[in-house]
Protein backbone atom coordinates (compact mmCIF):
# COMPACT_ATOMS: atom_id res chain seq x y z
CA MET A 1 59.82 65.22 122.37
CA ILE A 2 56.35 66.00 121.00
CA ASP A 3 54.82 69.25 122.21
CA LEU A 4 51.29 68.20 123.20
CA THR A 5 50.14 71.81 123.23
CA ILE A 6 50.92 72.10 119.52
CA VAL A 7 49.22 68.74 118.91
CA TRP A 8 46.04 69.98 120.59
CA ALA A 9 46.19 73.27 118.71
CA GLY A 10 46.34 71.20 115.51
CA ILE A 11 43.38 69.03 116.57
CA ILE A 12 41.21 72.06 117.31
CA ALA A 13 42.26 73.78 114.08
CA PHE A 14 41.41 70.60 112.16
CA ALA A 15 38.00 70.39 113.86
CA VAL A 16 37.20 74.00 112.96
CA ALA A 17 38.34 73.49 109.37
CA ALA A 18 36.30 70.28 109.09
CA TYR A 19 33.24 72.12 110.40
CA VAL A 20 33.62 74.92 107.85
CA VAL A 21 34.03 72.38 105.03
CA MET A 22 31.15 70.13 106.06
CA ASP A 23 28.63 72.52 107.55
CA GLY A 24 29.39 75.53 105.35
CA PHE A 25 27.63 74.23 102.27
CA ASP A 26 24.43 73.17 104.05
CA LEU A 27 24.25 76.52 105.84
CA GLY A 28 24.80 78.03 102.40
CA ILE A 29 21.81 76.16 100.99
CA GLY A 30 19.73 77.54 103.85
CA ILE A 31 20.93 81.06 103.01
CA LEU A 32 19.99 80.62 99.35
CA PHE A 33 16.73 78.80 100.09
CA PRO A 34 14.33 81.69 99.30
CA ARG A 35 15.84 81.89 95.82
CA PHE A 36 14.63 78.39 94.93
CA PRO A 37 11.06 77.97 93.62
CA VAL A 38 8.62 76.44 96.09
CA GLY A 39 8.12 72.76 95.43
CA ARG A 40 10.46 70.43 93.55
CA ASP A 41 13.58 72.62 93.57
CA ARG A 42 13.40 73.36 97.30
CA ASP A 43 12.77 69.70 98.06
CA MET A 44 15.74 68.61 95.95
CA ALA A 45 18.01 71.20 97.60
CA MET A 46 17.02 69.83 101.02
CA ASN A 47 17.39 66.25 99.85
CA SER A 48 20.95 66.91 98.71
CA ILE A 49 22.06 67.58 102.31
CA ALA A 50 19.56 65.43 104.24
CA PRO A 51 21.86 62.39 104.69
CA VAL A 52 24.81 64.36 106.06
CA TRP A 53 23.73 67.65 107.61
CA ASP A 54 23.12 66.45 111.17
CA GLY A 55 26.61 64.94 111.55
CA ASN A 56 28.44 68.12 110.60
CA GLU A 57 28.00 69.84 113.97
CA THR A 58 30.10 67.03 115.50
CA TRP A 59 33.19 68.98 114.49
CA LEU A 60 31.86 72.15 116.10
CA VAL A 61 31.35 70.24 119.35
CA LEU A 62 34.87 68.79 119.09
CA GLY A 63 36.37 72.24 118.52
CA GLY A 64 34.48 73.87 121.40
CA GLY A 65 34.96 70.97 123.78
CA GLY A 66 38.63 70.68 122.85
CA LEU A 67 39.16 74.38 123.52
CA MET A 68 37.58 74.07 126.96
CA ALA A 69 39.59 70.97 127.88
CA ALA A 70 42.97 71.72 126.29
CA PHE A 71 43.06 75.52 126.64
CA PRO A 72 40.84 76.33 129.64
CA LEU A 73 42.21 79.85 130.10
CA ALA A 74 41.33 80.78 126.52
CA TYR A 75 37.87 79.29 126.95
CA ALA A 76 37.33 81.28 130.16
CA ILE A 77 38.29 84.53 128.42
CA VAL A 78 36.65 84.01 125.01
CA LEU A 79 33.25 82.85 126.24
CA PRO A 80 32.35 85.96 128.29
CA ALA A 81 33.64 88.18 125.47
CA LEU A 82 31.50 86.48 122.83
CA TYR A 83 28.40 85.31 124.71
CA ALA A 84 25.98 87.17 122.42
CA PRO A 85 27.18 85.92 118.99
CA LEU A 86 27.82 82.40 120.29
CA ILE A 87 24.33 82.11 121.80
CA ALA A 88 22.87 83.51 118.57
CA MET A 89 24.79 80.90 116.60
CA LEU A 90 23.51 78.04 118.74
CA LEU A 91 19.92 79.29 118.56
CA GLY A 92 20.21 79.61 114.79
CA LEU A 93 21.49 76.04 114.50
CA VAL A 94 18.65 74.79 116.71
CA PHE A 95 15.98 76.58 114.66
CA ARG A 96 17.32 75.32 111.34
CA GLY A 97 17.66 71.77 112.68
CA VAL A 98 14.07 71.69 113.92
CA ALA A 99 12.82 73.30 110.71
CA PHE A 100 14.69 70.77 108.60
CA GLU A 101 12.70 67.88 110.00
CA PHE A 102 9.36 69.60 110.61
CA ARG A 103 8.98 70.92 107.05
CA TRP A 104 8.54 67.27 106.01
CA ARG A 105 6.40 66.21 108.98
CA ASP A 106 4.16 69.28 109.05
CA PRO A 107 3.49 70.24 105.41
CA GLY A 108 0.59 72.46 106.42
CA HIS A 109 3.04 74.96 107.91
CA ARG A 110 5.87 74.43 105.44
CA ARG A 111 6.15 78.14 104.66
CA PHE A 112 6.92 78.86 108.32
CA TRP A 113 9.49 76.03 108.51
CA ASP A 114 11.15 77.22 105.30
CA PHE A 115 11.46 80.68 106.85
CA ALA A 116 12.93 79.18 110.05
CA PHE A 117 15.40 77.10 108.03
CA CYS A 118 16.60 80.14 106.08
CA GLY A 119 16.58 82.49 109.09
CA GLY A 120 18.45 80.02 111.30
CA SER A 121 21.09 79.51 108.61
CA ILE A 122 21.62 83.26 108.19
CA VAL A 123 21.81 83.95 111.93
CA ALA A 124 24.22 81.06 112.57
CA THR A 125 26.50 82.12 109.72
CA LEU A 126 26.55 85.80 110.65
CA ALA A 127 27.28 84.88 114.27
CA GLN A 128 30.21 82.68 113.24
CA GLY A 129 31.68 85.41 111.05
CA ILE A 130 31.21 88.08 113.72
CA THR A 131 32.88 85.79 116.27
CA LEU A 132 35.90 85.41 113.98
CA GLY A 133 36.08 89.16 113.41
CA ALA A 134 35.83 89.88 117.13
CA LEU A 135 38.71 87.49 117.84
CA LEU A 136 40.87 89.00 115.11
CA GLN A 137 40.32 92.60 116.19
CA GLY A 138 41.37 91.72 119.75
CA ILE A 139 39.75 90.98 123.09
CA THR A 140 40.38 93.17 126.13
CA VAL A 141 42.23 91.06 128.71
CA GLU A 142 43.47 92.06 132.15
CA GLY A 143 45.44 89.45 134.02
CA ARG A 144 43.66 86.18 133.29
CA ALA A 145 40.13 87.48 132.67
CA TYR A 146 38.06 89.28 130.07
CA ALA A 147 37.88 93.01 130.86
CA GLY A 148 35.81 94.39 128.00
CA GLY A 149 32.18 95.37 127.70
CA TRP A 150 29.10 93.49 126.52
CA TRP A 151 29.17 95.05 123.04
CA GLU A 152 32.91 94.92 122.36
CA TRP A 153 32.37 92.23 119.74
CA LEU A 154 30.17 94.50 117.61
CA THR A 155 32.37 96.62 115.30
CA PRO A 156 32.43 97.46 111.58
CA PHE A 157 35.22 94.91 111.09
CA SER A 158 33.31 92.08 112.79
CA LEU A 159 30.22 92.92 110.73
CA LEU A 160 32.40 92.78 107.59
CA THR A 161 33.69 89.32 108.50
CA GLY A 162 30.12 88.22 109.24
CA LEU A 163 28.94 89.42 105.82
CA SER A 164 31.98 87.84 104.15
CA LEU A 165 31.25 84.45 105.69
CA LEU A 166 27.59 84.79 104.65
CA ILE A 167 28.72 85.26 101.04
CA GLY A 168 31.26 82.44 101.33
CA TYR A 169 28.81 79.89 102.72
CA ALA A 170 26.21 80.87 100.11
CA LEU A 171 28.82 80.26 97.41
CA LEU A 172 29.67 76.89 98.96
CA GLY A 173 25.98 76.00 98.88
CA ALA A 174 25.74 76.96 95.21
CA GLY A 175 28.85 74.90 94.44
CA TRP A 176 27.37 71.89 96.25
CA LEU A 177 24.18 72.10 94.17
CA ILE A 178 26.20 72.36 90.94
CA TRP A 179 27.75 69.07 91.98
CA LYS A 180 24.68 67.26 93.31
CA ALA A 181 21.80 68.62 91.24
CA GLU A 182 20.81 68.51 87.59
CA GLY A 183 18.57 70.44 85.24
CA ALA A 184 16.95 73.71 86.27
CA LEU A 185 18.22 73.61 89.86
CA GLN A 186 21.82 73.12 88.74
CA ALA A 187 21.48 75.93 86.19
CA GLN A 188 20.15 78.28 88.85
CA ALA A 189 23.01 77.31 91.18
CA ARG A 190 25.48 78.23 88.43
CA ARG A 191 23.83 81.63 87.99
CA MET A 192 23.99 82.34 91.70
CA ALA A 193 27.62 81.20 91.88
CA ARG A 194 28.57 83.61 89.09
CA LEU A 195 27.34 86.49 91.26
CA LEU A 196 28.67 85.20 94.56
CA LEU A 197 32.24 84.35 93.47
CA PRO A 198 33.27 87.96 92.62
CA ALA A 199 31.54 89.14 95.81
CA LEU A 200 33.56 86.65 97.87
CA LEU A 201 36.84 87.66 96.23
CA ILE A 202 36.09 91.31 97.02
CA ALA A 203 35.22 90.39 100.62
CA ILE A 204 38.46 88.39 101.00
CA GLY A 205 40.38 91.37 99.65
CA LEU A 206 38.74 93.82 102.07
CA VAL A 207 39.24 91.62 105.13
CA SER A 208 42.85 90.88 104.11
CA ALA A 209 43.59 94.56 103.57
CA LEU A 210 42.21 95.60 106.97
CA THR A 211 43.54 92.73 109.12
CA PRO A 212 47.24 93.77 109.23
CA PHE A 213 46.27 97.09 110.79
CA LEU A 214 44.27 95.57 113.66
CA GLU A 215 47.34 94.38 115.58
CA ALA A 216 51.05 95.16 115.29
CA GLN A 217 51.65 91.39 115.29
CA TYR A 218 49.61 90.96 112.12
CA TYR A 219 51.50 93.73 110.33
CA GLN A 220 54.84 92.19 111.24
CA ARG A 221 53.76 88.74 110.07
CA TRP A 222 52.54 89.97 106.69
CA PHE A 223 54.98 92.73 105.76
CA GLN A 224 58.27 92.03 107.53
CA TRP A 225 60.93 89.47 106.75
CA PRO A 226 60.61 86.44 106.55
CA GLY A 227 56.79 86.38 106.77
CA VAL A 228 56.50 88.49 103.62
CA LEU A 229 57.83 85.50 101.65
CA ALA A 230 54.61 83.62 102.39
CA SER A 231 52.21 86.55 102.48
CA ALA A 232 53.31 87.86 99.09
CA GLN A 233 52.14 84.64 97.43
CA MET A 234 48.64 84.62 98.94
CA PRO A 235 46.98 87.25 96.69
CA LEU A 236 48.36 85.53 93.59
CA LEU A 237 47.13 82.11 94.75
CA VAL A 238 43.67 83.49 95.57
CA ALA A 239 43.48 85.14 92.14
CA ILE A 240 44.51 81.92 90.35
CA VAL A 241 42.04 79.75 92.28
CA GLY A 242 39.31 82.36 91.79
CA PHE A 243 39.90 82.34 88.02
CA LEU A 244 39.82 78.54 87.89
CA ALA A 245 36.63 78.51 89.97
CA TRP A 246 35.01 80.97 87.55
CA ARG A 247 35.87 78.75 84.58
CA ALA A 248 34.56 75.69 86.41
CA ILE A 249 31.30 77.41 87.35
CA ASP A 250 30.75 78.41 83.72
CA ASN A 251 31.76 74.90 82.67
CA ILE A 252 34.43 76.32 80.34
CA GLY A 253 36.66 73.57 78.98
CA GLN A 254 35.27 71.04 81.46
CA LYS A 255 34.54 67.43 80.63
CA ARG A 256 31.28 65.77 81.56
CA GLY A 257 31.24 64.36 85.06
CA ARG A 258 33.30 67.18 86.56
CA ASP A 259 30.50 69.03 88.28
CA TRP A 260 32.47 68.58 91.52
CA MET A 261 35.18 71.02 90.44
CA PRO A 262 33.47 74.33 91.38
CA PHE A 263 32.78 73.05 94.89
CA CYS A 264 36.34 71.84 95.40
CA LEU A 265 37.87 75.07 94.09
CA ILE A 266 35.62 77.13 96.37
CA LEU A 267 36.80 74.96 99.26
CA LEU A 268 40.36 75.73 98.19
CA LEU A 269 39.58 79.46 98.49
CA PHE A 270 38.42 78.80 102.05
CA GLY A 271 41.60 76.81 102.67
CA LEU A 272 43.79 79.69 101.50
CA SER A 273 41.86 82.06 103.76
CA MET A 274 42.47 79.73 106.71
CA VAL A 275 46.19 79.62 105.92
CA GLY A 276 46.25 83.41 105.91
CA LEU A 277 44.46 83.43 109.26
CA ALA A 278 46.99 80.97 110.69
CA ILE A 279 49.90 83.11 109.47
CA SER A 280 48.39 86.10 111.26
CA ILE A 281 47.63 84.64 114.68
CA TRP A 282 50.11 81.79 115.28
CA PRO A 283 51.04 80.91 118.02
CA ASP A 284 48.30 82.78 119.89
CA VAL A 285 44.96 81.30 120.85
CA ILE A 286 43.68 84.80 121.67
CA PRO A 287 45.46 86.98 119.11
CA GLY A 288 47.89 89.45 120.64
CA ARG A 289 46.89 88.48 124.18
CA VAL A 290 47.36 84.81 125.13
CA SER A 291 49.57 82.18 123.46
CA ILE A 292 48.69 78.50 123.22
CA TRP A 293 51.30 77.67 125.86
CA GLU A 294 49.97 80.25 128.31
CA ALA A 295 46.43 78.93 127.91
CA ALA A 296 47.25 75.21 127.89
CA ALA A 297 45.99 72.67 130.42
CA PRO A 298 48.49 70.60 132.43
CA GLU A 299 50.39 67.97 130.45
CA ARG A 300 48.71 65.03 132.22
CA SER A 301 45.30 66.40 131.29
CA GLN A 302 46.37 66.78 127.67
CA ILE A 303 47.65 63.18 127.57
CA PHE A 304 44.42 61.85 129.09
CA MET A 305 42.27 63.73 126.57
CA LEU A 306 44.53 62.79 123.69
CA ILE A 307 43.83 59.10 124.30
CA GLY A 308 40.09 59.71 123.87
CA ALA A 309 40.58 61.96 120.86
CA GLY A 310 42.92 59.42 119.27
CA LEU A 311 40.19 56.78 119.51
CA LEU A 312 37.15 58.88 118.60
CA VAL A 313 38.39 61.18 115.82
CA PRO A 314 39.27 58.30 113.43
CA VAL A 315 35.85 56.75 114.11
CA ILE A 316 34.09 60.05 113.34
CA LEU A 317 36.18 60.50 110.19
CA GLY A 318 35.46 56.96 109.06
CA TYR A 319 31.72 57.33 109.62
CA THR A 320 31.67 60.68 107.82
CA ILE A 321 33.56 59.37 104.81
CA TRP A 322 31.26 56.33 104.66
CA ALA A 323 28.13 58.50 104.79
CA TYR A 324 29.33 60.71 101.94
CA TRP A 325 30.31 57.63 99.92
CA VAL A 326 26.97 55.90 100.40
CA PHE A 327 25.03 59.00 99.32
CA ARG A 328 27.35 59.98 96.47
CA GLY A 329 26.01 60.92 93.08
CA LYS A 330 23.20 63.18 91.97
CA VAL A 331 20.14 63.81 94.12
CA ASP A 332 16.65 62.96 92.90
CA GLU A 333 13.12 63.78 93.97
CA ALA A 334 12.80 60.69 96.15
CA GLY A 335 15.60 61.91 98.40
CA TYR A 336 16.47 60.81 101.89
CA HIS A 337 12.97 61.18 103.32
C-alpha cells in the first residue's frame, strides 16, 4: 500500500527543488544587477528572465500551501518560529516584482527601481537561506507548539546559510547569463562566475562541516554505518562537479553551442547539496523534533488534496516547459517588453 505521507513529502520536496532551480537564477541576476553597466547590459539581463520570472513563485506557493495542507502541525510550529525571515522574504519578492515592471514603465525613476530590484532580490535570498539554517539548527518545541523566542532564528549558522545561498543564487544568475547572453555581457558573467564558484564551494564545505554537530541525528546519519557509505561520496562528487563547472565556465575544451553547460553543472551542485540535506533530516519535517508521520494530516484529507495536485502539477509543469521552449535561445535587445 502506498504511504500517502511519503508521497506528500515528495511533492513538497519537489516543489521546493523546482523553486530553487527556477527562481534561483533570476534572484541571482537581481543580486548581480549593480555589477552590470547601466543601459544595454542591464536591459539584456532583465530581458533574459522577463518571459519566465513571474511563473517561478508558483512552486513556492505549492510548497508552502502543501505544507499547510498535508503537514498542518509542522506548519503551525514553523510559521511562528520563522515569522521574521519569512515576512522579509515575501516583502523582498514583492519589491523586486514591482520594480521589474515599473523600471520599464517609469524610466524617469529607473535608478530607484533598479535599486529596489537588487535590494528585493538580496533580502529574499538572505531570508530563504536564514530560514533553512534556522530549521537545520533546530526549533524549540514543547508538546505541539513552538516554545522559542522571537530571535531564535538569528544565529551565526543561519547567517552562514543565508550568505551561502546568496553566493549560490548569484552564481546561478551568472551561469544563466553565460547561457543566454552574448558578447560583453556574457564575458562579464564568466568573470563573475570564476569568482563565485570557489566562494560557493567554500561555503558548501563550511555548512557541511558544521551541520553534523548541530544535532546528534545529523552526526549519526553522516558518520555512522550505513549512512557513511553515502556521505563519504558527497565531498568527492562535489569536487568533481565543481572542477567540471570551472572548466565549463572558462570554456576549456568546450564546443560551440554548449554555453548551457556551466548553468547545468551549477544546478547539479545545488542538487548534491539538496541530497545532503535530505540525508541529514529524513524522515523529519522539523529536524530532530517532528517526523512527517507525526505532522501529517488525516489520510482522507491527503487523498482529497492529492487529486487536485495530480491534476494541477502536470499542467504547471507543461506550461513551464512550454514557456522555456518558446523563449529558448539567446536574448537580444528587443527582449520581452
